[in-house]
Protein backbone atom coordinates (compact mmCIF):
# COMPACT_ATOMS: atom_id res chain seq x y z
CA MET A 1 83.29 95.77 133.83
CA SER A 2 83.96 91.90 133.50
CA ARG A 3 86.18 89.47 134.68
CA VAL A 4 87.90 87.66 131.66
CA LEU A 5 89.65 84.58 131.52
CA ILE A 6 91.91 84.21 128.54
CA LEU A 7 93.61 81.09 127.40
CA GLY A 8 96.23 81.94 124.61
CA ALA A 9 99.95 81.41 123.68
CA ALA A 10 103.24 82.70 125.25
CA PRO A 11 105.60 84.58 125.27
CA LEU A 12 103.85 87.86 124.85
CA PRO A 13 105.58 90.34 122.32
CA PHE A 14 106.97 92.68 124.95
CA GLU A 15 108.80 89.66 126.48
CA LYS A 16 112.50 89.22 125.01
CA LYS A 17 112.27 85.73 124.15
CA GLU A 18 114.06 83.52 121.51
CA ARG A 19 111.09 83.72 118.97
CA GLN A 20 107.64 85.01 118.25
CA TYR A 21 104.84 83.32 116.28
CA ALA A 22 101.63 84.50 115.07
CA ALA A 23 99.81 82.87 118.06
CA ASN A 24 101.95 84.85 120.47
CA LEU A 25 101.10 88.20 118.68
CA ARG A 26 97.35 87.23 118.36
CA THR A 27 97.25 86.65 122.20
CA TRP A 28 98.47 90.04 123.07
CA HIS A 29 96.33 91.56 120.36
CA PHE A 30 93.10 90.19 122.20
CA THR A 31 94.43 90.67 125.62
CA LYS A 32 95.63 94.32 125.45
CA SER A 33 92.35 95.37 123.77
CA ILE A 34 90.30 93.67 126.43
CA LEU A 35 92.30 95.13 129.26
CA GLU A 36 92.41 98.91 127.65
CA ASP A 37 88.53 98.64 128.08
CA GLY A 38 88.80 98.34 132.03
CA HIS A 39 88.21 94.44 132.30
CA ARG A 40 90.03 92.41 134.97
CA VAL A 41 91.95 89.57 133.14
CA ARG A 42 93.49 86.51 134.11
CA LEU A 43 95.69 85.01 131.06
CA ILE A 44 96.75 81.33 131.04
CA ALA A 45 99.24 81.30 128.13
CA CYS A 46 100.86 78.02 126.85
CA ARG A 47 104.65 78.27 126.17
CA LEU A 48 105.29 77.47 122.59
CA PRO A 49 108.16 75.43 121.62
CA ASN A 50 111.64 76.91 120.96
CA THR A 51 110.57 80.35 122.30
CA TYR A 52 111.73 80.07 125.85
CA SER A 53 115.55 79.39 127.08
CA ARG A 54 116.03 76.56 129.44
CA GLU A 55 116.38 79.02 132.23
CA ASP A 56 113.21 80.70 131.41
CA ASP A 57 111.41 77.28 131.03
CA ALA A 58 112.55 75.97 134.35
CA GLU A 59 109.47 76.25 136.24
CA PRO A 60 106.29 74.48 135.28
CA TRP A 61 104.30 77.69 135.55
CA SER A 62 104.90 81.44 136.74
CA VAL A 63 102.53 84.17 137.44
CA GLU A 64 103.12 87.97 137.00
CA GLN A 65 100.71 90.71 138.11
CA ILE A 66 100.57 93.70 135.39
CA GLY A 67 97.91 96.19 136.47
CA GLU A 68 94.68 94.33 135.91
CA LEU A 69 96.17 91.47 134.26
CA GLU A 70 97.25 88.28 135.85
CA TYR A 71 99.67 86.57 133.50
CA LEU A 72 100.25 82.81 133.93
CA SER A 73 102.72 81.44 131.62
CA VAL A 74 102.77 77.54 131.64
CA ARG A 75 104.48 74.63 129.98
CA GLU A 76 102.47 72.85 127.44
CA ALA A 77 102.10 69.80 129.79
CA VAL A 78 100.60 71.90 132.25
CA PHE A 79 98.36 73.61 129.56
CA GLU A 80 97.14 70.11 128.47
CA ASN A 81 96.38 69.33 132.02
CA ARG A 82 92.36 69.81 132.27
CA SER A 83 92.27 69.91 135.99
CA PHE A 84 94.78 72.75 136.31
CA ILE A 85 92.75 75.06 133.92
CA GLN A 86 89.58 74.13 135.51
CA GLN A 87 90.85 75.02 138.73
CA LYS A 88 92.27 78.13 137.61
CA MET A 89 88.84 79.27 136.20
CA GLU A 90 86.78 78.28 139.17
CA GLU A 91 89.24 80.35 141.39
CA PHE A 92 88.98 83.35 139.28
CA LEU A 93 85.21 83.28 138.69
CA PRO A 94 84.94 84.84 135.31
CA ASP A 95 82.15 86.24 133.67
CA VAL A 96 83.12 85.17 130.20
CA ILE A 97 85.98 83.13 128.60
CA VAL A 98 88.01 83.81 125.58
CA GLY A 99 90.24 81.26 123.84
CA VAL A 100 92.61 82.81 121.38
CA ASN A 101 94.17 80.66 118.55
CA THR A 102 92.84 77.26 117.79
CA TYR A 103 94.64 75.13 120.31
CA PRO A 104 93.89 77.40 123.42
CA ALA A 105 90.21 77.78 121.94
CA SER A 106 89.62 74.12 122.01
CA ARG A 107 90.89 73.96 125.76
CA ALA A 108 88.72 76.84 126.35
CA ALA A 109 85.80 75.04 124.88
CA GLY A 110 86.51 71.78 127.08
CA LEU A 111 85.89 73.52 130.21
CA GLU A 112 83.01 72.62 132.54
CA THR A 113 81.27 75.85 132.69
CA ASP A 114 78.03 77.57 131.58
CA LYS A 115 79.55 80.93 130.92
CA PRO A 116 79.86 82.42 127.50
CA ILE A 117 82.87 81.41 125.50
CA TRP A 118 84.51 83.37 122.69
CA CYS A 119 86.62 81.19 120.59
CA ASP A 120 89.31 82.49 118.13
CA LEU A 121 90.22 80.33 115.06
CA ASN A 122 93.29 82.16 113.94
CA GLY A 123 93.63 80.67 110.29
CA TRP A 124 91.41 77.70 109.24
CA VAL A 125 93.25 74.84 110.66
CA MET A 126 91.73 72.23 108.39
CA ALA A 127 93.55 73.82 105.50
CA GLU A 128 96.60 73.86 107.39
CA ALA A 129 96.05 70.05 108.15
CA GLN A 130 95.77 69.34 104.52
CA ALA A 131 99.04 71.38 103.72
CA LYS A 132 100.87 69.24 106.18
CA THR A 133 99.43 66.02 105.10
CA HIS A 134 100.75 66.81 101.59
CA VAL A 135 104.24 67.76 102.90
CA TYR A 136 104.50 64.96 105.08
CA GLN A 137 102.39 62.59 102.95
CA ASP A 138 100.55 61.34 105.90
CA ASN A 139 96.58 61.70 106.14
CA ARG A 140 96.86 60.99 110.02
CA TYR A 141 97.31 64.49 110.82
CA LEU A 142 93.87 65.24 109.69
CA SER A 143 92.14 63.76 112.84
CA HIS A 144 94.53 65.67 115.13
CA PHE A 145 93.47 69.10 113.72
CA TRP A 146 89.79 68.15 113.36
CA LYS A 147 89.67 67.23 117.11
CA MET A 148 90.71 70.66 117.99
CA GLU A 149 88.27 72.42 115.34
CA LYS A 150 85.40 70.39 116.30
CA ALA A 151 85.70 71.08 120.04
CA VAL A 152 85.25 74.74 119.31
CA LEU A 153 82.44 74.40 116.69
CA GLU A 154 80.51 72.34 119.19
CA ARG A 155 80.74 74.72 122.09
CA ALA A 156 81.47 78.12 121.09
CA ASP A 157 78.91 80.96 121.83
CA MET A 158 80.92 83.35 119.32
CA ILE A 159 83.91 82.57 116.93
CA SER A 160 86.45 84.96 115.28
CA THR A 161 88.33 84.17 112.14
CA VAL A 162 91.38 85.94 110.65
CA SER A 163 89.76 86.47 107.33
CA LYS A 164 86.29 86.87 105.70
CA ALA A 165 87.25 83.74 103.49
CA GLN A 166 87.72 81.59 106.51
CA ALA A 167 84.42 82.91 108.29
CA HIS A 168 82.65 81.42 105.32
CA ALA A 169 84.25 78.04 105.76
CA VAL A 170 83.65 78.13 109.62
CA ILE A 171 80.03 78.69 108.78
CA GLY A 172 79.94 75.75 106.57
CA GLU A 173 81.47 73.71 109.37
CA LEU A 174 78.74 74.89 111.77
CA ALA A 175 76.05 73.82 109.41
CA THR A 176 77.61 70.47 109.11
CA LEU A 177 77.68 70.22 112.86
CA SER A 178 73.96 71.18 112.96
CA ARG A 179 74.19 74.33 114.72
CA LEU A 180 72.39 76.50 112.09
CA GLY A 181 68.91 75.66 113.20
CA LYS A 182 65.75 77.66 114.11
CA GLU A 183 67.43 78.85 117.29
CA THR A 184 70.37 80.42 115.50
CA GLN A 185 68.55 82.06 112.48
CA GLY A 186 70.00 85.73 112.36
CA TYR A 187 72.48 85.18 115.14
CA PRO A 188 75.98 86.30 114.10
CA PHE A 189 77.93 83.29 115.06
CA VAL A 190 81.11 84.37 113.32
CA CYS A 191 83.12 87.66 112.83
CA THR A 192 86.43 88.45 111.30
CA ILE A 193 89.33 89.80 113.10
CA PRO A 194 92.24 90.35 111.02
CA ASN A 195 95.75 90.35 112.39
CA ALA A 196 96.89 93.57 113.90
CA LEU A 197 100.23 95.63 113.99
CA VAL A 198 102.26 95.36 117.00
CA GLU A 199 101.61 98.48 118.96
CA GLU A 200 105.13 98.46 120.41
CA GLU A 201 107.44 100.75 118.26
CA TYR A 202 110.48 99.10 116.72
CA ASP A 203 113.98 100.49 116.92
CA HIS A 204 116.96 99.99 114.68
CA GLY A 205 118.91 98.48 117.44
CA SER A 206 122.02 97.42 115.75
CA ASN A 207 123.50 97.16 112.27
CA VAL A 208 122.64 93.62 111.01
CA ILE A 209 122.98 93.49 107.14
CA ARG A 210 124.88 96.55 105.78
CA GLY A 211 128.60 95.97 105.81
CA LYS A 212 128.21 92.44 107.11
CA LEU A 213 126.13 90.66 104.70
CA ALA A 214 125.65 93.16 101.82
CA GLU A 215 127.25 96.49 100.81
CA ASP A 216 125.34 99.87 101.10
CA ASP A 217 124.38 99.83 97.40
CA ASP A 218 123.18 96.25 97.26
CA PHE A 219 119.64 95.49 96.69
CA VAL A 220 118.63 93.37 99.61
CA VAL A 221 115.55 91.42 99.44
CA LEU A 222 114.44 89.83 102.85
CA TRP A 223 112.60 86.81 104.23
CA VAL A 224 111.31 86.66 107.71
CA GLY A 225 110.07 83.81 109.63
CA GLY A 226 109.35 80.21 109.05
CA TYR A 227 108.88 78.23 105.74
CA ASN A 228 105.76 76.71 106.40
CA THR A 229 103.90 73.76 104.67
CA TRP A 230 102.09 76.16 102.44
CA THR A 231 105.43 78.20 101.07
CA ASP A 232 106.19 77.60 97.41
CA VAL A 233 109.87 77.41 97.75
CA GLU A 234 110.14 75.90 94.21
CA MET A 235 108.90 79.14 92.79
CA LEU A 236 110.93 81.32 95.03
CA TYR A 237 114.06 79.63 94.09
CA GLU A 238 113.25 80.07 90.36
CA ALA A 239 112.29 83.65 90.80
CA LEU A 240 115.52 84.49 92.78
CA ALA A 241 117.80 82.67 90.24
CA ARG A 242 116.30 84.58 87.26
CA ALA A 243 116.43 87.95 89.14
CA MET A 244 120.13 87.47 90.48
CA SER A 245 121.22 86.49 86.98
CA ALA A 246 119.70 90.01 85.77
CA VAL A 247 120.64 92.01 88.80
CA PRO A 248 124.33 91.54 90.26
CA GLU A 249 123.77 93.71 93.09
CA LEU A 250 120.65 91.70 94.48
CA ARG A 251 121.09 89.96 97.90
CA PHE A 252 118.85 87.43 99.48
CA VAL A 253 118.72 87.50 103.37
CA SER A 254 116.48 85.16 105.45
CA THR A 255 115.87 85.08 109.03
CA GLY A 256 113.85 82.05 110.53
CA GLY A 257 113.94 78.69 108.89
CA ALA A 258 112.38 75.36 109.66
CA ILE A 259 109.53 75.28 112.09
CA ASP A 260 110.56 72.54 114.62
CA GLY A 261 107.78 69.93 115.47
CA HIS A 262 105.48 71.09 112.80
CA ASP A 263 107.45 71.63 109.19
CA GLU A 264 111.03 70.61 109.07
CA ILE A 265 111.06 69.60 105.45
CA THR A 266 110.09 72.69 103.48
CA PHE A 267 113.05 74.82 104.60
CA ALA A 268 115.37 72.02 104.12
CA ARG A 269 114.12 71.35 100.46
CA PHE A 270 114.83 75.15 99.85
CA ARG A 271 118.23 75.28 101.19
CA GLU A 272 119.22 72.15 99.00
CA ARG A 273 118.28 73.98 95.94
CA ILE A 274 120.18 77.31 97.13
CA ALA A 275 123.29 75.19 97.85
CA GLY A 276 123.16 73.57 94.57
CA GLY A 277 122.58 76.66 92.53
CA GLU A 278 125.10 79.12 90.92
CA PHE A 279 124.17 82.10 93.18
CA SER A 280 124.50 80.46 96.81
CA ASP A 281 127.14 83.32 97.64
CA ARG A 282 124.54 85.88 97.39
CA VAL A 283 122.11 84.11 99.73
CA HIS A 284 122.28 84.51 103.52
CA PHE A 285 120.58 82.30 105.81
CA VAL A 286 120.88 83.82 109.43
CA GLY A 287 118.54 81.50 111.15
CA TRP A 288 116.08 82.55 113.93
CA VAL A 289 117.26 85.66 115.56
CA PRO A 290 116.05 87.04 118.89
CA THR A 291 112.65 88.91 118.68
CA GLU A 292 114.48 92.22 119.53
CA GLU A 293 116.89 91.88 116.68
CA VAL A 294 114.31 91.30 113.92
CA PRO A 295 113.16 94.90 113.25
CA SER A 296 116.80 95.88 112.34
CA TYR A 297 116.70 93.43 109.41
CA TYR A 298 113.32 95.24 108.31
CA PHE A 299 115.04 98.72 108.55
CA GLU A 300 118.06 97.67 106.62
CA ALA A 301 116.29 95.65 103.78
CA ASP A 302 115.22 97.24 100.46
CA LEU A 303 112.28 94.75 99.74
CA GLY A 304 110.36 92.20 101.72
CA LEU A 305 109.16 88.89 100.39
CA ASN A 306 106.11 86.92 100.91
CA VAL A 307 105.65 83.68 98.72
CA ASP A 308 102.52 81.27 99.23
CA GLY A 309 101.54 78.11 97.21
CA ASP A 310 98.59 77.10 95.54
CA ASN A 311 96.50 75.58 98.42
CA PHE A 312 93.48 76.24 100.70
CA GLU A 313 95.48 77.63 103.79
CA THR A 314 96.78 80.55 101.30
CA VAL A 315 93.01 81.46 100.39
CA TYR A 316 91.71 81.11 104.06
CA GLY A 317 94.54 82.44 106.06
CA ALA A 318 96.68 85.53 106.93
CA ARG A 319 100.41 86.43 106.97
CA ASN A 320 101.86 88.16 109.91
CA ARG A 321 105.07 88.99 108.19
CA LEU A 322 103.00 91.46 105.87
CA ASN A 323 101.74 93.15 108.72
CA GLU A 324 105.37 93.60 110.27
CA MET A 325 106.59 94.83 107.06
CA THR A 326 103.91 97.30 106.56
CA LYS A 327 104.54 98.54 110.16
CA VAL A 328 107.96 99.87 109.50
CA GLY A 329 107.12 100.82 105.83
CA LEU A 330 109.60 98.20 104.37
CA PRO A 331 108.34 97.85 100.55
CA ILE A 332 106.56 94.36 99.84
CA LEU A 333 106.52 91.96 96.89
CA THR A 334 104.00 88.98 97.56
CA THR A 335 102.10 86.33 95.84
CA VAL A 336 98.43 87.20 95.75
CA GLY A 337 96.30 84.74 97.73
CA THR A 338 95.79 85.84 101.38
CA GLU A 339 93.17 88.37 102.06
CA ILE A 340 95.85 90.77 103.42
CA SER A 341 97.83 90.29 100.06
CA GLN A 342 94.51 90.92 98.00
CA THR A 343 94.19 94.31 99.89
CA LEU A 344 97.72 95.53 99.49
CA ALA A 345 97.68 94.50 95.80
CA GLU A 346 94.23 96.02 94.88
CA ARG A 347 95.29 99.27 96.58
CA ARG A 348 98.68 99.35 94.93
CA LEU A 349 100.48 99.25 98.28
CA ALA A 350 102.70 96.32 97.33
CA LEU A 351 104.18 94.82 94.40
CA SER A 352 102.41 91.66 93.73
CA SER A 353 102.63 88.53 91.45
CA PRO A 354 100.26 85.41 90.75
CA ILE A 355 100.80 82.33 92.71
CA GLY A 356 103.24 79.86 91.24
CA GLU A 357 104.68 82.01 88.37
CA GLY A 358 108.30 82.41 88.96
CA ARG A 359 109.06 84.25 85.83
CA ALA A 360 106.43 86.99 86.94
CA PHE A 361 107.86 87.13 90.51
CA ALA A 362 111.45 87.53 88.94
CA GLU A 363 110.27 90.43 86.67
CA GLU A 364 108.99 92.07 89.78
CA LEU A 365 111.88 91.64 91.72
CA ILE A 366 114.07 92.91 88.61
CA TRP A 367 111.76 96.16 88.26
CA ALA A 368 112.00 96.92 91.81
CA ALA A 369 115.64 96.83 91.98
CA GLY A 370 115.85 99.49 89.30
CA HIS A 371 113.15 101.57 90.89
CA ARG A 372 114.09 101.99 94.64
CA THR A 373 112.56 105.46 95.13
CA GLU A 374 109.23 104.38 93.72
CA ILE A 375 109.01 101.28 96.04
CA ALA A 376 110.15 103.29 99.26
CA VAL A 377 107.22 105.63 98.45
CA MET A 378 104.94 102.82 98.11
CA GLY A 379 106.15 101.06 101.44
CA GLN A 380 105.42 104.51 103.37
CA GLN A 381 101.86 104.64 101.71
CA ALA A 382 101.34 101.12 103.12
CA ARG A 383 102.52 101.94 106.33
CA GLU A 384 100.02 104.79 106.82
CA PHE A 385 97.15 102.46 105.48
CA ALA A 386 98.10 99.53 107.77
CA ARG A 387 98.41 101.67 110.92
CA GLU A 388 94.82 102.72 110.64
CA GLU A 389 93.27 99.69 109.23
CA TYR A 390 95.04 97.03 111.28
CA SER A 391 95.11 98.74 114.71
CA TYR A 392 94.24 97.05 117.94
CA SER A 393 91.10 99.16 118.48
CA ARG A 394 89.81 98.85 114.93
CA THR A 395 90.20 95.24 114.48
CA THR A 396 88.77 94.14 117.96
CA ARG A 397 85.62 96.33 117.97
CA ASN A 398 83.32 93.26 117.72
CA LEU A 399 84.92 91.28 120.40
CA ARG A 400 85.29 94.34 122.80
CA SER A 401 81.60 95.01 122.40
CA TRP A 402 80.56 91.46 123.22
CA VAL A 403 82.86 91.30 126.19
CA GLN A 404 81.01 93.96 127.47
CA ALA A 405 77.86 92.43 127.40
CA PRO A 406 78.51 88.55 126.88
CA SER A 407 75.88 86.17 126.05
CA ARG A 408 75.39 82.46 125.17
CA ALA A 409 74.54 81.50 121.81
CA PRO A 410 70.90 81.12 121.36
CA ASP A 411 71.17 77.31 120.80
CA LEU A 412 73.21 76.99 124.07
CA ALA A 413 75.60 74.74 121.83
CA ARG A 414 73.08 72.07 121.59
CA SER A 415 73.13 70.87 117.71
CA VAL A 416 70.08 69.45 115.96
CA ASP A 417 70.10 65.61 115.53
CA LEU A 418 70.22 65.60 111.43
CA ARG A 419 69.46 61.82 111.77
CA ASP A 420 65.86 62.38 112.77
CA ARG A 421 64.68 62.59 109.20
CA ASP A 422 61.14 61.76 110.24
CA SER A 423 61.03 65.32 111.55
CA ILE A 424 59.91 66.59 108.14
CA GLY A 425 57.63 63.69 107.55
CA GLY A 426 59.94 61.72 104.98
CA PRO A 427 60.46 57.96 105.09
CA THR A 428 63.99 57.14 106.21
CA GLN A 429 64.23 54.54 103.41
CA GLU A 430 62.71 54.60 99.87
CA GLY A 431 59.61 52.77 99.95
CA GLU A 432 59.34 52.55 103.76
CA SER A 433 55.94 54.56 103.95
CA GLU A 434 54.34 51.77 101.82
CA ARG A 435 55.58 49.07 103.99
CA ASN A 436 54.40 50.94 107.43
CA PRO A 437 51.82 53.41 106.42
CA SER A 438 50.85 54.01 109.95
CA ARG A 439 54.15 55.27 110.88
CA PHE A 440 54.09 58.22 108.61
CA GLU A 441 50.21 58.82 108.92
CA GLY A 442 49.42 62.55 108.94
CA LYS A 443 53.02 63.40 107.86
CA GLN A 444 53.01 63.22 104.16
CA THR A 445 51.20 66.58 103.46
CA SER A 446 53.52 68.67 105.55
CA SER A 447 56.45 67.10 103.73
CA ARG A 448 55.32 67.74 100.40
CA GLU A 449 54.78 71.26 101.43
CA LEU A 450 58.09 71.54 102.96
CA TRP A 451 59.53 70.48 99.68
CA ARG A 452 57.37 72.96 97.71
CA ARG A 453 58.73 75.83 99.82
CA VAL A 454 62.25 74.64 99.43
CA LEU A 455 61.74 74.42 95.51
CA ARG A 456 60.15 77.67 95.26
CA ALA A 457 63.12 79.49 97.39
CA PHE A 458 65.37 77.97 94.72
CA GLY A 459 63.27 79.32 92.15
CA ARG A 460 62.32 76.03 90.49
C-alpha cells in the first residue's frame, strides 16, 4: 500500500459546517476512495471562505486522526505558505501526491519533489475565468486563473477532469505547452472523473418549506446553492414569470445566493428583477442554510432547477446540484449544456430545455406542475441511474489503479522547446537559408520529407 499526500479543500462533507461547495465534495470523493483501498493518507485541506464559524476557524490549523487518515484543516494563509506544505510533505514521506481541485492541485505541482503527482482540474478554470471577466468586465482575472492552470499543466504526471469535454480542452493546453512530444506518444495524460453522489444518506431532519413558505398543495420549484457567473438569471426570471402567470400554485424557493469573494453581482441582479416583478410574494430567498438542513429542502420540493448561460464553462463544466437532486430522487428541470445535463436529458431522466430560451423553460415548468406523478417517477428513475453511474468506486477507478502503482509521466515534465525550429531543418525566417546556406546544409532534404509526410497524413 502507498503513502498518499492529498491537498484539497475543507470542510469535508461529514463535518457540520456553514456551507459545502463543489471543491469540498470533490476532496472527500477522492480521499475516501483512496482510503478504502487501504492506503495511508495525509490530507491537507484549505478551509474555504464562509464555511467555518469564527470559533471553528480560531486556530491556524488543526489535525485529526481518523483511522488511516490524518486530516489537517488549515487556513488559506497557511495553505498558501509553501514552506509549511513542503515540510508536511517531507515529514510524511509520501509515495505519491494528489491535488484535488485546481487551486490545491497547483500547490501540489509547486512542491519540490520527484514523486509522481496526480492533479485534478475540477472544471476548466479558464472557462470560469472568462465568465468572471464578463460579469466583472475586467480581463485581469485571466492571468490569476492561468497561473494556477499552467502550474498543473507543466508538472502533473496525470490529470483528471470533470467531463470528457474538459479533457479535450486540457489535452489542447498540454500541446500548447509542448508536453505532447515523442516521449508521451500514447501516454494517457488525462482521464475523466465525473462528480459523484455523496455516499452519506440524507435525512428529512425538519420541516422547512411546507406550512412555512408554501402549502401542501403548492407546486414548489427549488434552487440550491450559488448563483455563479455562468448562471443565466435573466432567462430564469423570464421563465418563472411566465410559469407563475399560468400556474397560481407555483412557488419558487431558493437556498444559497451570492458567492462571496467570487461573484457578488449575478445573484444581486436576479433579486432586483424579482423585487420589481409582480410575483415577488411567491418567491422565497432563504439564503445559505447549514449543510445538514439542505436535504430537507430536497425532500419537500416538487422540482429542482438548474439554469446555465451560453458560455464555455457550461460546455466544459459539471453541476453538483444535479448530482444532489438525483441522489434523493427530486425531479429535475435543467437547461442542456453540461455533460451531466446532456446525459440526464438523453436518457429522459430529467425535463430539459435549450439554453437561453425562457419560453421553452416556462412551458416545461407548466407541464411539470400538471403532471406531478409522472415527474416523480422520472425522479426515482434518475436516482437509480445516478447511484450506479456516479458512485465513488465507479468514478475513481482510474485514480485508484494509478495510486496502486504510481509513476512519472514519460517526459518527466520536461516540455519540448518549440522555439527551436531548426530541429526539422527549416529556416527561422523566410529567405534565411539563402543568406546563410551553410547553416542549413544537410537539413533541407529531411525538412522536405517531413512536410511530405505531414501532407500525406492529412490526405493532401
